[in-house]
Amino acid sequence: MEKLFLDTNLLLDFVLDRKPFSDMTEEILLLKYTQKKRLFTSALSLANVAYVVRKAEKNPFTVIEDLLEWVEVVSLTKNEFNSSVKSTFKDFEDALQYYSAQSIQASVIITRDVKDFSSSSILVQSPAQFLKTMK
């Protein structure tokens, strides 16, 4: 079963209903059921989502509970932190995302910030690019 790694921005698009991006994320989430894709995100992403939605006056407990119906969570270990510190990524958070995706052998990282993953050996696609490949 194909493993898709979803970056934080996709989850935020979905829970904050940021159009038109939320529609694409919804299509990707539905692949869990329509095409039996496994959807993953990192523990870091869920923590970031909880923080941002609280600022948007949404209940982070409810939001995270709902997201857990869609995605599996990749734990962050000392290994991901060590790899990130030694990486060529410019952004530490992106490095953590990348090494989280690598730890589960994700086939693709789906993000709206494709350029931030230029050091990735994993395929990186925008939601639009990814959905195009599914059609």
N, C-alpha and C. Protein backbone atom coordinates (compact mmCIF):
# COMPACT_ATOMS: atom_id res chain seq x y z
N MET A 1 0.84 -1.18 0.00
CA MET A 1 0.00 0.00 0.00
C MET A 1 0.89 1.25 0.00
N GLU A 2 0.59 2.15 -0.90
CA GLU A 2 1.40 3.37 -1.04
C GLU A 2 1.27 4.26 0.20
N LYS A 3 2.41 4.81 0.63
CA LYS A 3 2.45 5.69 1.80
C LYS A 3 2.67 7.13 1.35
N LEU A 4 1.71 7.98 1.69
CA LEU A 4 1.78 9.39 1.35
C LEU A 4 2.07 10.18 2.62
N PHE A 5 3.06 11.05 2.57
CA PHE A 5 3.39 11.88 3.73
C PHE A 5 2.86 13.29 3.48
N LEU A 6 2.00 13.76 4.38
CA LEU A 6 1.37 15.07 4.23
C LEU A 6 2.06 16.09 5.12
N ASP A 7 2.50 17.17 4.53
CA ASP A 7 3.17 18.24 5.26
C ASP A 7 2.13 19.05 6.04
N THR A 8 2.62 19.81 6.99
CA THR A 8 1.76 20.60 7.88
C THR A 8 0.82 21.51 7.11
N ASN A 9 1.31 22.15 6.05
CA ASN A 9 0.49 23.13 5.35
C ASN A 9 -0.79 22.51 4.76
N LEU A 10 -0.74 21.25 4.36
CA LEU A 10 -1.94 20.60 3.84
C LEU A 10 -2.97 20.43 4.94
N LEU A 11 -2.51 20.00 6.11
CA LEU A 11 -3.44 19.79 7.22
C LEU A 11 -4.08 21.12 7.64
N LEU A 12 -3.27 22.17 7.67
CA LEU A 12 -3.81 23.49 8.02
C LEU A 12 -4.80 23.98 6.96
N ASP A 13 -4.49 23.75 5.70
CA ASP A 13 -5.42 24.12 4.63
C ASP A 13 -6.77 23.46 4.87
N PHE A 14 -6.73 22.19 5.23
CA PHE A 14 -7.96 21.41 5.43
C PHE A 14 -8.74 21.91 6.64
N VAL A 15 -8.10 21.99 7.80
CA VAL A 15 -8.84 22.32 9.02
C VAL A 15 -9.25 23.79 9.09
N LEU A 16 -8.52 24.66 8.40
CA LEU A 16 -8.89 26.08 8.37
C LEU A 16 -9.70 26.43 7.12
N ASP A 17 -9.95 25.43 6.29
CA ASP A 17 -10.72 25.58 5.05
C ASP A 17 -10.18 26.72 4.19
N ARG A 18 -8.87 26.69 3.96
CA ARG A 18 -8.21 27.71 3.13
C ARG A 18 -8.39 27.32 1.66
N LYS A 19 -9.30 28.02 1.01
CA LYS A 19 -9.61 27.75 -0.39
C LYS A 19 -8.55 28.35 -1.29
N PRO A 20 -8.23 27.77 -2.42
CA PRO A 20 -8.75 26.52 -2.98
C PRO A 20 -7.99 25.29 -2.48
N PHE A 21 -7.00 25.52 -1.62
CA PHE A 21 -6.12 24.43 -1.19
C PHE A 21 -6.85 23.35 -0.39
N SER A 22 -7.84 23.75 0.39
CA SER A 22 -8.55 22.77 1.22
C SER A 22 -9.27 21.72 0.37
N ASP A 23 -9.73 22.12 -0.79
CA ASP A 23 -10.41 21.16 -1.68
C ASP A 23 -9.44 20.08 -2.17
N MET A 24 -8.22 20.50 -2.50
CA MET A 24 -7.22 19.52 -2.95
C MET A 24 -6.82 18.58 -1.81
N THR A 25 -6.66 19.14 -0.62
CA THR A 25 -6.31 18.29 0.52
C THR A 25 -7.43 17.30 0.81
N GLU A 26 -8.66 17.74 0.71
CA GLU A 26 -9.78 16.83 0.92
C GLU A 26 -9.74 15.68 -0.09
N GLU A 27 -9.44 15.99 -1.34
CA GLU A 27 -9.32 14.94 -2.37
C GLU A 27 -8.23 13.93 -2.00
N ILE A 28 -7.12 14.44 -1.49
CA ILE A 28 -6.01 13.57 -1.09
C ILE A 28 -6.41 12.71 0.11
N LEU A 29 -7.08 13.32 1.08
CA LEU A 29 -7.52 12.56 2.26
C LEU A 29 -8.47 11.43 1.87
N LEU A 30 -9.34 11.71 0.93
CA LEU A 30 -10.31 10.70 0.50
C LEU A 30 -9.65 9.48 -0.16
N LEU A 31 -8.41 9.65 -0.62
CA LEU A 31 -7.70 8.52 -1.23
C LEU A 31 -7.47 7.39 -0.23
N LYS A 32 -7.54 7.71 1.04
CA LYS A 32 -7.43 6.68 2.07
C LYS A 32 -8.50 5.61 1.85
N TYR A 33 -9.68 6.04 1.46
CA TYR A 33 -10.79 5.11 1.29
C TYR A 33 -11.02 4.71 -0.17
N THR A 34 -10.84 5.65 -1.09
CA THR A 34 -11.15 5.33 -2.48
C THR A 34 -10.05 4.53 -3.16
N GLN A 35 -8.79 4.72 -2.71
CA GLN A 35 -7.68 4.00 -3.35
C GLN A 35 -6.77 3.31 -2.35
N LYS A 36 -7.24 3.21 -1.11
CA LYS A 36 -6.51 2.48 -0.06
C LYS A 36 -5.08 2.99 0.14
N LYS A 37 -4.90 4.30 0.07
CA LYS A 37 -3.59 4.90 0.33
C LYS A 37 -3.43 5.05 1.84
N ARG A 38 -2.21 4.91 2.31
CA ARG A 38 -1.91 5.17 3.72
C ARG A 38 -1.40 6.59 3.82
N LEU A 39 -2.01 7.37 4.68
CA LEU A 39 -1.68 8.79 4.84
C LEU A 39 -0.96 8.98 6.16
N PHE A 40 0.17 9.66 6.11
CA PHE A 40 0.98 9.90 7.29
C PHE A 40 1.27 11.38 7.45
N THR A 41 1.52 11.76 8.67
CA THR A 41 2.08 13.07 8.98
C THR A 41 2.93 12.89 10.22
N SER A 42 3.73 13.89 10.53
CA SER A 42 4.60 13.76 11.70
C SER A 42 3.90 14.29 12.95
N ALA A 43 4.41 13.85 14.09
CA ALA A 43 3.93 14.36 15.37
C ALA A 43 4.12 15.88 15.41
N LEU A 44 5.19 16.35 14.80
CA LEU A 44 5.45 17.79 14.74
C LEU A 44 4.31 18.52 14.03
N SER A 45 3.83 17.95 12.93
CA SER A 45 2.74 18.59 12.19
C SER A 45 1.49 18.74 13.05
N LEU A 46 1.16 17.69 13.77
CA LEU A 46 -0.05 17.76 14.60
C LEU A 46 0.11 18.78 15.72
N ALA A 47 1.30 18.87 16.30
CA ALA A 47 1.55 19.89 17.33
C ALA A 47 1.42 21.29 16.74
N ASN A 48 1.96 21.48 15.54
CA ASN A 48 1.87 22.78 14.88
C ASN A 48 0.42 23.13 14.53
N VAL A 49 -0.33 22.15 14.06
CA VAL A 49 -1.75 22.37 13.75
C VAL A 49 -2.50 22.77 15.02
N ALA A 50 -2.27 22.06 16.11
CA ALA A 50 -2.95 22.38 17.37
C ALA A 50 -2.66 23.82 17.79
N TYR A 51 -1.42 24.23 17.65
CA TYR A 51 -1.02 25.59 18.03
C TYR A 51 -1.73 26.63 17.15
N VAL A 52 -1.71 26.41 15.85
CA VAL A 52 -2.29 27.39 14.92
C VAL A 52 -3.80 27.46 15.07
N VAL A 53 -4.48 26.33 15.20
CA VAL A 53 -5.94 26.37 15.27
C VAL A 53 -6.41 27.00 16.58
N ARG A 54 -5.63 26.85 17.64
CA ARG A 54 -5.97 27.51 18.90
C ARG A 54 -5.96 29.02 18.70
N LYS A 55 -4.95 29.51 17.97
CA LYS A 55 -4.87 30.95 17.67
C LYS A 55 -6.05 31.40 16.80
N ALA A 56 -6.59 30.46 16.01
CA ALA A 56 -7.75 30.75 15.15
C ALA A 56 -9.06 30.51 15.90
N GLU A 57 -8.96 30.32 17.21
CA GLU A 57 -10.11 30.12 18.10
C GLU A 57 -10.92 28.88 17.76
N LYS A 58 -10.21 27.83 17.35
CA LYS A 58 -10.82 26.51 17.18
C LYS A 58 -10.32 25.63 18.31
N ASN A 59 -11.06 24.59 18.60
CA ASN A 59 -10.69 23.67 19.67
C ASN A 59 -9.62 22.70 19.15
N PRO A 60 -8.37 22.82 19.62
CA PRO A 60 -7.32 21.95 19.10
C PRO A 60 -7.55 20.47 19.41
N PHE A 61 -8.20 20.16 20.51
CA PHE A 61 -8.46 18.77 20.86
C PHE A 61 -9.39 18.12 19.83
N THR A 62 -10.43 18.84 19.46
CA THR A 62 -11.39 18.33 18.48
C THR A 62 -10.76 18.23 17.10
N VAL A 63 -10.00 19.26 16.73
CA VAL A 63 -9.36 19.28 15.41
C VAL A 63 -8.40 18.10 15.27
N ILE A 64 -7.56 17.88 16.27
CA ILE A 64 -6.59 16.78 16.20
C ILE A 64 -7.30 15.44 16.23
N GLU A 65 -8.33 15.33 17.05
CA GLU A 65 -9.10 14.08 17.08
C GLU A 65 -9.67 13.77 15.69
N ASP A 66 -10.18 14.77 15.01
CA ASP A 66 -10.72 14.59 13.66
C ASP A 66 -9.62 14.19 12.67
N LEU A 67 -8.47 14.86 12.75
CA LEU A 67 -7.37 14.52 11.83
C LEU A 67 -6.88 13.10 12.04
N LEU A 68 -6.92 12.62 13.27
CA LEU A 68 -6.44 11.26 13.54
C LEU A 68 -7.31 10.19 12.88
N GLU A 69 -8.49 10.57 12.44
CA GLU A 69 -9.33 9.65 11.67
C GLU A 69 -8.77 9.45 10.26
N TRP A 70 -7.98 10.42 9.80
CA TRP A 70 -7.47 10.41 8.43
C TRP A 70 -6.02 9.97 8.31
N VAL A 71 -5.19 10.38 9.28
CA VAL A 71 -3.75 10.18 9.13
C VAL A 71 -3.17 9.32 10.24
N GLU A 72 -2.08 8.65 9.88
CA GLU A 72 -1.26 7.95 10.86
C GLU A 72 -0.15 8.90 11.26
N VAL A 73 0.35 8.75 12.48
CA VAL A 73 1.33 9.69 13.01
C VAL A 73 2.70 9.04 13.10
N VAL A 74 3.68 9.74 12.55
CA VAL A 74 5.07 9.30 12.62
C VAL A 74 5.70 9.97 13.83
N SER A 75 6.23 9.16 14.73
CA SER A 75 6.89 9.70 15.92
C SER A 75 8.22 10.33 15.55
N LEU A 76 8.60 11.31 16.32
CA LEU A 76 9.92 11.91 16.18
C LEU A 76 10.83 11.30 17.23
N THR A 77 11.97 10.80 16.77
CA THR A 77 12.94 10.20 17.68
C THR A 77 14.24 10.97 17.62
N LYS A 78 15.15 10.60 18.46
CA LYS A 78 16.47 11.22 18.45
C LYS A 78 17.12 11.07 17.07
N ASN A 79 16.84 9.98 16.39
CA ASN A 79 17.41 9.74 15.07
C ASN A 79 17.02 10.84 14.08
N GLU A 80 15.73 11.22 14.06
CA GLU A 80 15.27 12.27 13.13
C GLU A 80 15.91 13.61 13.49
N PHE A 81 16.07 13.87 14.77
CA PHE A 81 16.71 15.12 15.19
C PHE A 81 18.19 15.13 14.81
N ASN A 82 18.89 14.03 15.06
CA ASN A 82 20.31 13.95 14.69
C ASN A 82 20.49 14.11 13.19
N SER A 83 19.66 13.42 12.42
CA SER A 83 19.75 13.53 10.96
C SER A 83 19.47 14.95 10.50
N SER A 84 18.50 15.61 11.11
CA SER A 84 18.15 16.97 10.74
C SER A 84 19.28 17.95 11.02
N VAL A 85 19.90 17.79 12.18
CA VAL A 85 21.00 18.67 12.56
C VAL A 85 22.16 18.56 11.56
N LYS A 86 22.38 17.38 11.05
CA LYS A 86 23.51 17.14 10.14
C LYS A 86 23.14 17.31 8.66
N SER A 87 21.89 17.65 8.40
CA SER A 87 21.41 17.69 7.01
C SER A 87 21.81 18.98 6.31
N THR A 88 21.51 19.01 5.01
CA THR A 88 21.75 20.21 4.21
C THR A 88 20.50 21.06 4.07
N PHE A 89 19.43 20.67 4.76
CA PHE A 89 18.20 21.47 4.71
C PHE A 89 18.45 22.83 5.32
N LYS A 90 17.84 23.85 4.73
CA LYS A 90 17.97 25.21 5.26
C LYS A 90 17.05 25.43 6.46
N ASP A 91 15.93 24.71 6.47
CA ASP A 91 14.93 24.88 7.52
C ASP A 91 14.88 23.61 8.38
N PHE A 92 15.08 23.76 9.67
CA PHE A 92 15.13 22.61 10.57
C PHE A 92 13.81 21.83 10.58
N GLU A 93 12.70 22.55 10.59
CA GLU A 93 11.40 21.90 10.60
C GLU A 93 11.17 21.06 9.34
N ASP A 94 11.58 21.57 8.20
CA ASP A 94 11.47 20.80 6.96
C ASP A 94 12.34 19.55 7.01
N ALA A 95 13.51 19.67 7.60
CA ALA A 95 14.38 18.50 7.76
C ALA A 95 13.71 17.45 8.63
N LEU A 96 13.09 17.87 9.71
CA LEU A 96 12.36 16.91 10.56
C LEU A 96 11.24 16.22 9.79
N GLN A 97 10.54 16.99 8.97
CA GLN A 97 9.47 16.41 8.15
C GLN A 97 10.05 15.36 7.19
N TYR A 98 11.14 15.74 6.53
CA TYR A 98 11.76 14.84 5.57
C TYR A 98 12.21 13.54 6.25
N TYR A 99 12.89 13.63 7.36
CA TYR A 99 13.39 12.42 8.02
C TYR A 99 12.25 11.60 8.64
N SER A 100 11.16 12.24 8.97
CA SER A 100 9.96 11.50 9.41
C SER A 100 9.41 10.69 8.24
N ALA A 101 9.32 11.33 7.08
CA ALA A 101 8.83 10.64 5.87
C ALA A 101 9.77 9.50 5.49
N GLN A 102 11.05 9.75 5.60
CA GLN A 102 12.04 8.72 5.26
C GLN A 102 11.93 7.52 6.21
N SER A 103 11.64 7.77 7.47
CA SER A 103 11.58 6.68 8.46
C SER A 103 10.47 5.68 8.17
N ILE A 104 9.44 6.10 7.46
CA ILE A 104 8.35 5.19 7.12
C ILE A 104 8.40 4.76 5.66
N GLN A 105 9.47 5.17 4.98
CA GLN A 105 9.65 4.87 3.56
C GLN A 105 8.48 5.37 2.72
N ALA A 106 8.13 6.62 2.94
CA ALA A 106 7.06 7.25 2.17
C ALA A 106 7.45 7.29 0.69
N SER A 107 6.46 7.13 -0.17
CA SER A 107 6.73 7.19 -1.60
C SER A 107 6.70 8.62 -2.11
N VAL A 108 6.03 9.51 -1.38
CA VAL A 108 5.94 10.91 -1.80
C VAL A 108 5.69 11.79 -0.58
N ILE A 109 6.26 12.98 -0.61
CA ILE A 109 5.94 14.03 0.35
C ILE A 109 5.07 15.03 -0.40
N ILE A 110 3.90 15.30 0.13
CA ILE A 110 2.99 16.24 -0.51
C ILE A 110 2.98 17.52 0.33
N THR A 111 3.35 18.62 -0.32
CA THR A 111 3.50 19.90 0.36
C THR A 111 3.24 21.03 -0.61
N ARG A 112 2.86 22.19 -0.07
CA ARG A 112 2.76 23.37 -0.93
C ARG A 112 4.10 24.10 -1.00
N ASP A 113 5.07 23.63 -0.23
CA ASP A 113 6.40 24.25 -0.22
C ASP A 113 7.44 23.31 -0.83
N VAL A 114 7.22 22.91 -2.05
CA VAL A 114 8.08 21.95 -2.74
C VAL A 114 9.54 22.40 -2.74
N LYS A 115 9.78 23.68 -2.96
CA LYS A 115 11.16 24.20 -3.03
C LYS A 115 11.93 23.98 -1.73
N ASP A 116 11.23 23.90 -0.61
CA ASP A 116 11.89 23.71 0.69
C ASP A 116 12.45 22.30 0.86
N PHE A 117 12.07 21.40 -0.03
CA PHE A 117 12.51 20.01 0.05
C PHE A 117 13.46 19.65 -1.09
N SER A 118 14.22 20.62 -1.56
CA SER A 118 15.12 20.38 -2.69
C SER A 118 16.20 19.35 -2.36
N SER A 119 16.49 19.13 -1.08
CA SER A 119 17.49 18.13 -0.67
C SER A 119 16.90 16.73 -0.56
N SER A 120 15.64 16.58 -0.86
CA SER A 120 14.95 15.30 -0.65
C SER A 120 15.31 14.25 -1.70
N SER A 121 15.50 13.03 -1.23
CA SER A 121 15.66 11.91 -2.15
C SER A 121 14.31 11.22 -2.37
N ILE A 122 13.31 11.66 -1.63
CA ILE A 122 11.93 11.18 -1.79
C ILE A 122 11.23 12.13 -2.77
N LEU A 123 10.38 11.59 -3.62
CA LEU A 123 9.59 12.42 -4.52
C LEU A 123 8.81 13.45 -3.71
N VAL A 124 8.85 14.70 -4.13
CA VAL A 124 8.11 15.78 -3.47
C VAL A 124 7.21 16.42 -4.52
N GLN A 125 5.92 16.53 -4.18
CA GLN A 125 4.96 17.11 -5.12
C GLN A 125 4.01 18.05 -4.40
N SER A 126 3.52 19.03 -5.13
CA SER A 126 2.46 19.88 -4.62
C SER A 126 1.16 19.06 -4.67
N PRO A 127 0.14 19.49 -3.94
CA PRO A 127 -1.14 18.77 -4.03
C PRO A 127 -1.66 18.69 -5.47
N ALA A 128 -1.54 19.78 -6.22
CA ALA A 128 -2.01 19.78 -7.61
C ALA A 128 -1.22 18.79 -8.45
N GLN A 129 0.10 18.78 -8.31
CA GLN A 129 0.93 17.82 -9.06
C GLN A 129 0.54 16.39 -8.71
N PHE A 130 0.41 16.13 -7.43
CA PHE A 130 0.09 14.78 -6.99
C PHE A 130 -1.27 14.33 -7.54
N LEU A 131 -2.26 15.17 -7.41
CA LEU A 131 -3.60 14.81 -7.89
C LEU A 131 -3.62 14.58 -9.39
N LYS A 132 -2.81 15.32 -10.12
CA LYS A 132 -2.70 15.12 -11.57
C LYS A 132 -2.20 13.71 -11.89
N THR A 133 -1.26 13.22 -11.08
CA THR A 133 -0.72 11.87 -11.31
C THR A 133 -1.74 10.79 -10.97
N MET A 134 -2.73 11.12 -10.17
CA MET A 134 -3.74 10.14 -9.76
C MET A 134 -4.84 9.98 -10.81
N LYS A 135 -4.90 10.92 -11.75
CA LYS A 135 -5.99 10.87 -12.76
C LYS A 135 -5.58 10.13 -13.99
